[in-house]
């Protein structure tokens, strides 16, 4: 919101879309996974479509898309370290980040998914506390919400309206919301959390309660406008930090400016823990994908359960270490830019996973070629924008339609998958066997 303005508010409609989508789709995935002992989405894809290579494509996509996501969480911790006044460059500046990595690695290695699940309770309590207090204190000191919105420039407050030649900000906003909603629960860490649920009903109950999170997310977004109205970016004490971290420092600067040191500690702790929890689940999910769908499928098919656990723990450490090296060795903007690509890549697994839950009309060869076409198209679109944005403009019938590159590339993916699958059926090529049964998809699996 601080950097992009009103476009950043797409996160609100995207959560409105994602919860009903997950409510309907993912109890079905849980049911079939429960019956067959699937731990990852790639497990399901391999069995459902009868293709190890398609499962490998889903696994590799998940791992690659997750790596910059973990790095981005570490960036959040690095911003908090900078806000506390510690040096963030050189060996001395890297030390706190290395310590944070060590804490993350230790508690996930020792406790697995239980650790982030329990710490999430503390994280949510701190975030709710911080947001509620901020919504009361900061507007009161800035003269109310009317004064805040009046101080923000119109180009930040409003989307650019359509005109005769382009849909402008409207289509960008809508496709960002749609694409993000379709992609969110395809990330390995989301699937891991869903499949770790005790029943399909638990998934539905969580989806029914998550609009409470949307409310807090909306309030959190308003902090960006408060930061603009307060002018923290131009305050001399914060200028060096904005140069180092860019718009990412807006919320820490706001907190430092308006609150006493004791509350700053609580708020920054909420941000840091809010980064550690998802990073932990992401590393576990990436490790599961490697262990089950790469190592066990292509390296050692006789891997025992105990050995599988040890390999997963080791790979989880390597994934976190890779993310740490990424942050220490590359400029901050790289993590943000590659995260844009992550969303474009992960959405390409939607036809194999989500459509696969309802139909086998799409052949695995069509899905695999569609996946490849979507990955290439989406990456090309992002590269043509020099990774500075994920909004790519498509020209149709003389009208310019800016939109989220993930949505455009998913459309290419689906067209290729449908056409190739139709050709396979017409030619009469042998279809792969389905490792699941129709009754597997019924929620009776939870009883």
Protein backbone atom coordinates (compact mmCIF):
# COMPACT_ATOMS: atom_id res chain seq x y z
CA UNK A 1 0.00 0.00 0.00
CA UNK A 2 2.88 2.33 0.84
CA UNK A 3 4.69 1.66 -2.44
CA UNK A 4 1.95 0.65 -4.89
CA UNK A 5 -1.08 2.47 -3.52
CA UNK A 6 -4.64 1.21 -4.03
CA UNK A 7 -3.49 -1.75 -6.15
CA UNK A 8 -2.09 -3.27 -2.96
CA UNK A 9 -5.61 -3.59 -1.60
CA UNK A 10 -6.18 -6.55 -3.99
CA UNK A 11 -5.28 -8.73 -1.00
CA UNK A 12 -8.77 -8.15 0.43
CA UNK A 13 -10.90 -9.47 -2.47
CA UNK A 14 -8.35 -12.24 -2.97
CA UNK A 15 -9.03 -13.58 0.52
CA UNK A 16 -12.77 -13.31 -0.14
CA UNK A 17 -12.22 -15.57 -3.17
CA UNK A 18 -9.77 -18.03 -1.63
CA UNK A 19 -11.74 -19.18 1.40
CA UNK A 20 -14.81 -20.53 -0.49
CA UNK A 21 -12.44 -22.06 -3.07
CA UNK A 22 -10.45 -23.87 -0.37
CA UNK A 23 -13.65 -24.77 1.51
CA UNK A 24 -14.89 -26.74 -1.49
CA UNK A 25 -11.67 -28.11 -3.02
CA UNK A 26 -9.28 -29.08 -0.26
CA UNK A 27 -11.43 -31.34 1.94
CA UNK A 28 -11.64 -33.45 -1.23
CA UNK A 29 -7.83 -33.54 -1.53
CA UNK A 30 -7.59 -34.36 2.19
CA UNK A 31 -10.01 -37.29 1.78
CA UNK A 32 -8.05 -39.01 -1.00
CA UNK A 33 -4.70 -38.24 0.68
CA UNK A 34 -5.97 -39.77 3.93
CA UNK A 35 -6.94 -43.03 2.23
CA UNK A 36 -3.64 -43.43 0.39
CA UNK A 37 -1.17 -41.83 2.79
CA UNK A 38 -0.25 -38.95 0.46
CA UNK A 39 1.84 -36.24 2.12
CA UNK A 40 2.35 -33.87 -0.82
CA UNK A 41 0.35 -32.63 -3.79
CA UNK A 42 2.88 -34.35 -6.06
CA UNK A 43 2.01 -37.70 -4.40
CA UNK A 44 -1.59 -37.22 -5.48
CA UNK A 45 -0.71 -36.02 -8.99
CA UNK A 46 1.60 -38.98 -9.66
CA UNK A 47 -1.06 -41.49 -8.61
CA UNK A 48 -4.10 -39.76 -10.10
CA UNK A 49 -2.59 -39.17 -13.54
CA UNK A 50 -0.30 -42.21 -13.57
CA UNK A 51 2.80 -40.16 -14.34
CA UNK A 52 5.96 -39.93 -12.25
CA UNK A 53 7.23 -37.16 -14.53
CA UNK A 54 4.15 -35.03 -13.96
CA UNK A 55 4.59 -35.57 -10.21
CA UNK A 56 8.24 -34.55 -10.58
CA UNK A 57 7.21 -31.37 -12.41
CA UNK A 58 4.81 -30.45 -9.57
CA UNK A 59 7.47 -31.22 -6.93
CA UNK A 60 10.23 -29.20 -8.61
CA UNK A 61 7.85 -26.29 -9.20
CA UNK A 62 6.86 -26.31 -5.54
CA UNK A 63 10.45 -26.34 -4.29
CA UNK A 64 11.65 -23.63 -6.69
CA UNK A 65 8.63 -21.38 -6.01
CA UNK A 66 9.06 -21.77 -2.25
CA UNK A 67 12.75 -20.85 -2.03
CA UNK A 68 12.34 -17.09 -2.70
CA UNK A 69 9.27 -17.16 -0.40
CA UNK A 70 11.46 -18.37 2.49
CA UNK A 71 14.07 -15.76 1.58
CA UNK A 72 11.37 -13.09 1.71
CA UNK A 73 10.50 -14.13 5.28
CA UNK A 74 14.17 -13.71 6.22
CA UNK A 75 14.08 -10.26 4.61
CA UNK A 76 11.27 -9.38 7.05
CA UNK A 77 13.47 -10.46 9.96
CA UNK A 78 16.36 -8.43 8.53
CA UNK A 79 14.15 -5.32 8.40
CA UNK A 80 13.22 -5.82 12.06
CA UNK A 81 16.90 -6.16 12.97
CA UNK A 82 17.57 -2.88 11.18
CA UNK A 83 14.66 -1.22 13.00
CA UNK A 84 16.19 -2.23 16.32
CA UNK A 85 19.24 -0.17 15.42
CA UNK A 86 21.61 -3.00 14.56
CA UNK A 87 23.95 -2.75 11.61
CA UNK A 88 22.55 -4.70 8.64
CA UNK A 89 25.61 -4.76 6.38
CA UNK A 90 28.88 -6.63 6.58
CA UNK A 91 29.68 -9.56 8.86
CA UNK A 92 28.37 -7.80 11.97
CA UNK A 93 25.11 -7.04 10.19
CA UNK A 94 24.76 -10.64 8.99
CA UNK A 95 25.22 -12.12 12.47
CA UNK A 96 21.68 -11.46 13.81
CA UNK A 97 20.21 -12.95 10.62
CA UNK A 98 22.40 -16.02 11.03
CA UNK A 99 21.20 -16.34 14.64
CA UNK A 100 17.58 -16.10 13.48
CA UNK A 101 18.31 -18.83 10.92
CA UNK A 102 19.82 -21.02 13.65
CA UNK A 103 16.72 -20.62 15.83
CA UNK A 104 14.45 -21.45 12.87
CA UNK A 105 16.55 -24.48 11.93
CA UNK A 106 16.78 -25.82 15.47
CA UNK A 107 13.12 -25.74 16.36
CA UNK A 108 11.91 -27.17 13.04
CA UNK A 109 14.57 -29.92 13.10
CA UNK A 110 13.62 -30.94 16.63
CA UNK A 111 9.83 -30.60 16.53
CA UNK A 112 8.75 -30.60 12.89
CA UNK A 113 5.33 -29.13 12.15
CA UNK A 114 4.31 -28.98 15.84
CA UNK A 115 6.71 -26.12 16.59
CA UNK A 116 5.40 -23.55 14.07
CA UNK A 117 1.82 -24.63 14.82
CA UNK A 118 2.21 -23.80 18.51
CA UNK A 119 4.25 -20.64 17.96
CA UNK A 120 1.57 -19.45 15.51
CA UNK A 121 -0.76 -18.97 18.48
CA UNK A 122 1.71 -16.50 20.03
CA UNK A 123 2.30 -14.87 16.65
CA UNK A 124 -1.40 -14.28 16.02
CA UNK A 125 -1.95 -12.84 19.51
CA UNK A 126 0.93 -10.39 19.06
CA UNK A 127 -0.22 -9.33 15.60
CA UNK A 128 -3.82 -8.78 16.71
CA UNK A 129 -2.60 -6.75 19.69
CA UNK A 130 -0.28 -4.64 17.53
CA UNK A 131 -2.91 -3.91 14.88
CA UNK A 132 -5.68 -3.03 17.34
CA UNK A 133 -3.44 -0.64 19.26
CA UNK A 134 -2.07 0.90 16.05
CA UNK A 135 -5.60 1.48 14.70
CA UNK A 136 -6.45 3.47 17.82
CA UNK A 137 -3.24 5.36 18.56
CA UNK A 138 -1.90 6.36 15.12
CA UNK A 139 -5.11 7.83 13.61
CA UNK A 140 -5.68 9.75 16.85
CA UNK A 141 -2.26 11.38 16.48
CA UNK A 142 -2.70 12.06 12.75
CA UNK A 143 -6.11 13.71 13.14
CA UNK A 144 -8.34 10.77 12.23
CA UNK A 145 -8.84 8.67 9.12
CA UNK A 146 -10.26 11.63 7.20
CA UNK A 147 -6.99 13.51 7.66
CA UNK A 148 -4.99 10.40 6.71
CA UNK A 149 -6.81 9.89 3.41
CA UNK A 150 -6.68 13.62 2.67
CA UNK A 151 -2.89 13.57 3.05
CA UNK A 152 -2.41 10.72 0.56
CA UNK A 153 -2.14 11.66 -3.11
CA UNK A 154 -5.14 10.67 -5.32
CA UNK A 155 -3.00 8.42 -7.53
CA UNK A 156 -2.27 6.30 -4.44
CA UNK A 157 -5.87 6.22 -3.25
CA UNK A 158 -7.61 5.28 -6.52
CA UNK A 159 -7.08 2.76 -9.29
CA UNK A 160 -6.62 4.23 -12.74
CA UNK A 161 -10.04 3.92 -14.40
CA UNK A 162 -10.57 2.29 -17.82
CA UNK A 163 -10.59 4.47 -20.92
CA UNK A 164 -11.18 3.95 -24.63
CA UNK A 165 -7.86 2.17 -25.14
CA UNK A 166 -7.22 0.25 -21.91
CA UNK A 167 -8.81 -1.34 -18.85
CA UNK A 168 -5.89 0.14 -16.87
CA UNK A 169 -5.84 -0.51 -13.14
CA UNK A 170 -9.19 -2.28 -13.00
CA UNK A 171 -8.10 -5.39 -14.92
CA UNK A 172 -4.75 -5.47 -13.12
CA UNK A 173 -6.49 -5.34 -9.75
CA UNK A 174 -9.04 -8.02 -10.65
CA UNK A 175 -6.52 -10.47 -12.12
CA UNK A 176 -4.15 -9.98 -9.18
CA UNK A 177 -6.97 -10.94 -6.83
CA UNK A 178 -8.06 -13.93 -8.93
CA UNK A 179 -4.55 -15.24 -9.64
CA UNK A 180 -3.41 -14.87 -6.05
CA UNK A 181 -6.52 -16.69 -4.81
CA UNK A 182 -5.94 -19.60 -7.17
CA UNK A 183 -2.24 -19.82 -6.30
CA UNK A 184 -2.17 -19.45 -2.51
CA UNK A 185 -3.18 -22.95 -1.43
CA UNK A 186 -1.12 -24.58 -4.18
CA UNK A 187 2.09 -23.60 -2.39
CA UNK A 188 3.65 -26.66 -0.72
CA UNK A 189 3.45 -25.15 2.77
CA UNK A 190 -0.30 -24.58 2.36
CA UNK A 191 -0.85 -28.16 1.16
CA UNK A 192 1.28 -29.49 4.02
CA UNK A 193 -0.81 -27.62 6.58
CA UNK A 194 -4.08 -28.75 4.98
CA UNK A 195 -3.09 -32.41 4.76
CA UNK A 196 -1.90 -32.31 8.39
CA UNK A 197 -5.47 -31.52 9.46
CA UNK A 198 -7.34 -34.17 11.42
CA UNK A 199 -10.36 -34.13 9.09
CA UNK A 200 -11.99 -32.41 6.15
CA UNK A 201 -14.35 -30.74 8.60
CA UNK A 202 -11.39 -29.07 10.31
CA UNK A 203 -10.37 -27.56 6.96
CA UNK A 204 -13.91 -26.25 6.39
CA UNK A 205 -14.09 -24.83 9.91
CA UNK A 206 -10.81 -22.98 9.41
CA UNK A 207 -11.96 -21.57 6.08
CA UNK A 208 -15.21 -20.42 7.70
CA UNK A 209 -13.29 -18.59 10.45
CA UNK A 210 -10.56 -17.06 8.30
CA UNK A 211 -12.58 -13.95 7.28
CA UNK A 212 -11.51 -12.68 10.72
CA UNK A 213 -8.01 -12.67 9.26
CA UNK A 214 -9.25 -10.66 6.26
CA UNK A 215 -10.46 -7.96 8.64
CA UNK A 216 -7.03 -7.67 10.25
CA UNK A 217 -5.39 -7.78 6.82
CA UNK A 218 -7.48 -4.78 5.74
CA UNK A 219 -6.46 -2.85 8.85
CA UNK A 220 -2.85 -3.84 8.29
CA UNK A 221 -3.00 -2.50 4.74
CA UNK A 222 -4.15 0.87 6.07
CA UNK A 223 -0.81 1.18 7.88
CA UNK A 224 0.68 1.89 4.46
CA UNK A 225 -1.53 4.96 4.05
CA UNK A 226 -0.74 6.02 7.62
CA UNK A 227 2.96 5.82 6.82
CA UNK A 228 2.43 8.01 3.75
CA UNK A 229 0.37 10.55 5.73
CA UNK A 230 2.91 10.71 8.57
CA UNK A 231 5.82 11.43 6.24
CA UNK A 232 8.15 8.92 7.90
CA UNK A 233 9.98 8.35 4.61
CA UNK A 234 11.42 11.87 4.74
CA UNK A 235 12.31 11.89 8.44
CA UNK A 236 16.13 12.14 8.72
CA UNK A 237 16.43 9.29 11.21
CA UNK A 238 14.69 6.88 8.84
CA UNK A 239 16.14 7.93 5.46
CA UNK A 240 19.11 5.49 5.63
CA UNK A 241 16.75 2.60 6.38
CA UNK A 242 14.44 3.40 3.48
CA UNK A 243 17.48 3.50 1.23
CA UNK A 244 18.48 0.05 2.48
CA UNK A 245 15.06 -1.64 2.64
CA UNK A 246 12.80 0.48 0.42
CA UNK A 247 9.04 0.42 1.12
CA UNK A 248 9.56 -2.62 3.39
CA UNK A 249 10.61 -0.28 6.18
CA UNK A 250 7.33 1.68 6.18
CA UNK A 251 5.63 -0.20 9.02
CA UNK A 252 8.69 -0.42 11.32
CA UNK A 253 9.27 3.32 10.78
CA UNK A 254 5.65 4.04 11.66
CA UNK A 255 5.89 1.98 14.84
CA UNK A 256 9.20 3.55 15.86
CA UNK A 257 7.82 7.05 15.33
CA UNK A 258 4.52 6.72 17.22
CA UNK A 259 5.14 4.27 20.06
CA UNK A 260 7.32 4.02 23.18
CA UNK A 261 10.22 1.58 23.15
CA UNK A 262 8.44 -1.13 25.17
CA UNK A 263 5.60 -1.36 22.64
CA UNK A 264 8.04 -1.16 19.73
CA UNK A 265 9.57 -4.36 21.12
CA UNK A 266 6.19 -6.12 21.11
CA UNK A 267 5.30 -4.95 17.59
CA UNK A 268 8.65 -5.85 16.06
CA UNK A 269 8.56 -9.22 17.80
CA UNK A 270 5.17 -9.81 16.12
CA UNK A 271 6.72 -9.05 12.71
CA UNK A 272 9.74 -11.30 13.35
CA UNK A 273 7.69 -14.24 14.63
CA UNK A 274 5.24 -13.66 11.81
CA UNK A 275 8.14 -14.32 9.44
CA UNK A 276 9.61 -17.29 11.31
CA UNK A 277 6.40 -19.35 11.44
CA UNK A 278 5.67 -19.51 7.68
CA UNK A 279 9.38 -19.91 6.90
CA UNK A 280 9.45 -23.01 9.11
CA UNK A 281 6.44 -24.61 7.40
CA UNK A 282 7.81 -23.70 3.96
CA UNK A 283 11.11 -25.45 4.62
CA UNK A 284 9.33 -28.57 5.92
CA UNK A 285 7.04 -28.64 2.87
CA UNK A 286 9.94 -28.25 0.41
CA UNK A 287 11.82 -31.04 2.20
CA UNK A 288 8.79 -33.35 1.96
CA UNK A 289 8.56 -32.74 -1.78
CA UNK A 290 12.22 -33.56 -2.32
CA UNK A 291 12.19 -36.63 -0.08
CA UNK A 292 8.99 -38.26 -1.35
CA UNK A 293 8.80 -37.13 -4.97
CA UNK A 294 12.43 -36.85 -6.03
CA UNK A 295 14.65 -38.88 -3.69
CA UNK A 296 12.24 -41.78 -3.10
CA UNK A 297 10.92 -41.82 -6.66
CA UNK A 298 14.16 -41.48 -8.60
CA UNK A 299 17.12 -42.14 -6.27
CA UNK A 300 16.18 -44.73 -3.62
CA UNK A 301 12.81 -46.41 -4.08
CA UNK A 302 13.43 -48.63 -1.04
CA UNK A 303 13.66 -45.71 1.38
CA UNK A 304 12.22 -46.71 4.76
CA UNK A 305 10.00 -44.45 6.89
CA UNK A 306 12.76 -43.70 9.42
CA UNK A 307 15.26 -42.93 6.64
CA UNK A 308 12.66 -40.76 4.91
CA UNK A 309 12.29 -38.67 8.09
CA UNK A 310 16.05 -38.19 8.38
CA UNK A 311 16.41 -37.18 4.73
CA UNK A 312 13.52 -34.72 5.11
CA UNK A 313 15.11 -33.15 8.20
CA UNK A 314 18.45 -32.77 6.41
CA UNK A 315 16.90 -31.29 3.28
CA UNK A 316 14.84 -28.90 5.42
CA UNK A 317 18.11 -27.56 6.83
CA UNK A 318 19.58 -27.25 3.33
CA UNK A 319 16.52 -25.33 2.10
CA UNK A 320 16.79 -22.83 4.96
CA UNK A 321 20.54 -22.55 4.45
CA UNK A 322 19.95 -21.85 0.75
CA UNK A 323 17.47 -19.09 1.60
CA UNK A 324 19.95 -17.59 4.07
CA UNK A 325 22.74 -17.65 1.46
CA UNK A 326 20.34 -16.06 -1.00
CA UNK A 327 19.75 -13.10 1.33
CA UNK A 328 23.38 -12.71 2.37
CA UNK A 329 24.76 -12.96 -1.15
CA UNK A 330 22.25 -11.13 -3.34
CA UNK A 331 20.64 -7.66 -3.28
CA UNK A 332 17.34 -7.34 -1.39
CA UNK A 333 15.37 -6.61 -4.57
CA UNK A 334 16.21 -10.05 -5.97
CA UNK A 335 14.17 -11.79 -3.26
CA UNK A 336 11.14 -9.62 -4.00
CA UNK A 337 11.48 -9.99 -7.78
CA UNK A 338 11.88 -13.75 -7.66
CA UNK A 339 8.88 -13.98 -5.35
CA UNK A 340 6.84 -12.49 -8.20
CA UNK A 341 8.01 -15.39 -10.34
CA UNK A 342 7.12 -17.85 -7.58
CA UNK A 343 3.43 -17.00 -7.85
CA UNK A 344 3.55 -17.33 -11.64
CA UNK A 345 5.23 -20.74 -11.40
CA UNK A 346 3.13 -22.32 -8.67
CA UNK A 347 -0.19 -21.55 -10.37
CA UNK A 348 0.88 -23.78 -13.27
CA UNK A 349 0.26 -26.80 -11.03
CA UNK A 350 -3.45 -25.95 -10.71
CA UNK A 351 -4.72 -28.06 -13.67
CA UNK A 352 -2.93 -31.21 -12.46
CA UNK A 353 -3.96 -30.78 -8.81
CA UNK A 354 -7.33 -29.01 -8.68
CA UNK A 355 -8.86 -30.19 -11.96
CA UNK A 356 -7.43 -33.62 -11.23
CA UNK A 357 -9.63 -33.80 -8.14
CA UNK A 358 -12.74 -33.68 -10.36
CA UNK A 359 -11.87 -35.19 -13.73
CA UNK A 360 -9.35 -37.28 -15.71
CA UNK A 361 -10.35 -35.84 -19.07
CA UNK A 362 -6.99 -34.07 -19.18
CA UNK A 363 -4.27 -36.58 -20.11
CA UNK A 364 -0.95 -36.46 -18.28
CA UNK A 365 0.86 -35.62 -21.53
CA UNK A 366 -1.40 -32.63 -22.06
CA UNK A 367 -0.95 -31.55 -18.42
CA UNK A 368 2.82 -31.86 -18.67
CA UNK A 369 3.05 -29.87 -21.91
CA UNK A 370 0.56 -27.32 -20.56
CA UNK A 371 2.68 -26.95 -17.41
CA UNK A 372 5.81 -26.37 -19.54
CA UNK A 373 4.01 -23.85 -21.77
CA UNK A 374 2.70 -21.96 -18.72
CA UNK A 375 6.11 -21.87 -17.03
CA UNK A 376 7.83 -20.60 -20.20
CA UNK A 377 5.11 -18.03 -20.98
CA UNK A 378 4.92 -16.68 -17.43
CA UNK A 379 8.68 -16.48 -17.05
CA UNK A 380 8.99 -14.71 -20.40
CA UNK A 381 6.34 -12.17 -19.40
CA UNK A 382 8.09 -11.43 -16.09
CA UNK A 383 11.49 -11.25 -17.79
CA UNK A 384 10.14 -8.84 -20.42
CA UNK A 385 9.15 -6.58 -17.51
CA UNK A 386 12.70 -6.98 -16.09
CA UNK A 387 11.14 -8.59 -12.99
CA UNK A 388 10.06 -5.14 -11.86
CA UNK A 389 6.36 -6.02 -11.98
CA UNK A 390 4.04 -8.98 -12.47
CA UNK A 391 1.46 -6.99 -14.48
CA UNK A 392 1.73 -7.79 -18.18
CA UNK A 393 -0.42 -5.99 -20.77
CA UNK A 394 -2.21 -8.12 -23.35
CA UNK A 395 -3.69 -6.44 -26.44
CA UNK A 396 -7.00 -7.85 -27.68
CA UNK A 397 -9.21 -6.31 -30.39
CA UNK A 398 -7.51 -2.94 -30.02
CA UNK A 399 -7.94 -2.89 -26.24
CA UNK A 400 -5.02 -3.01 -23.82
CA UNK A 401 -5.71 -5.31 -20.84
CA UNK A 402 -3.09 -5.15 -18.08
CA UNK A 403 -3.24 -8.30 -15.97
CA UNK A 404 -1.38 -10.57 -13.61
CA UNK A 405 1.09 -12.63 -15.66
CA UNK A 406 0.14 -15.73 -13.63
CA UNK A 407 -3.43 -15.55 -14.99
CA UNK A 408 -2.32 -15.08 -18.61
CA UNK A 409 0.19 -17.94 -18.39
CA UNK A 410 -2.37 -20.20 -16.68
CA UNK A 411 -4.72 -19.55 -19.62
CA UNK A 412 -1.96 -20.70 -22.02
CA UNK A 413 -1.37 -23.74 -19.80
CA UNK A 414 -5.05 -24.73 -19.92
CA UNK A 415 -5.38 -24.25 -23.70
CA UNK A 416 -2.32 -26.44 -24.38
CA UNK A 417 -3.46 -29.09 -21.88
CA UNK A 418 -6.96 -29.28 -23.40
CA UNK A 419 -5.73 -29.38 -27.03
CA UNK A 420 -3.04 -32.01 -26.41
CA UNK A 421 -5.44 -34.13 -24.33
CA UNK A 422 -8.01 -33.97 -27.13
CA UNK A 423 -5.39 -35.10 -29.67
CA UNK A 424 -4.36 -37.98 -27.39
CA UNK A 425 -7.99 -39.14 -27.15
CA UNK A 426 -8.63 -38.79 -30.91
CA UNK A 427 -5.46 -40.66 -31.86
CA UNK A 428 -6.29 -43.38 -29.34
CA UNK A 429 -3.04 -43.35 -27.41
CA UNK A 430 -2.91 -45.55 -24.31
CA UNK A 431 -4.03 -43.78 -21.16
CA UNK A 432 -2.15 -44.10 -17.88
CA UNK A 433 -3.78 -45.95 -15.00
CA UNK A 434 -5.44 -44.07 -12.14
CA UNK A 435 -4.07 -44.99 -8.72
CA UNK A 436 -7.19 -43.69 -6.96
CA UNK A 437 -10.86 -44.75 -6.89
CA UNK A 438 -14.06 -42.66 -7.06
CA UNK A 439 -14.98 -43.48 -3.45
CA UNK A 440 -11.62 -42.11 -2.27
CA UNK A 441 -12.86 -38.57 -2.87
CA UNK A 442 -15.77 -38.82 -0.45
CA UNK A 443 -15.47 -37.14 2.95
CA UNK A 444 -16.38 -40.43 4.62
CA UNK A 445 -12.60 -40.96 4.70
CA UNK A 446 -12.45 -38.77 7.79
CA UNK A 447 -14.62 -41.17 9.83
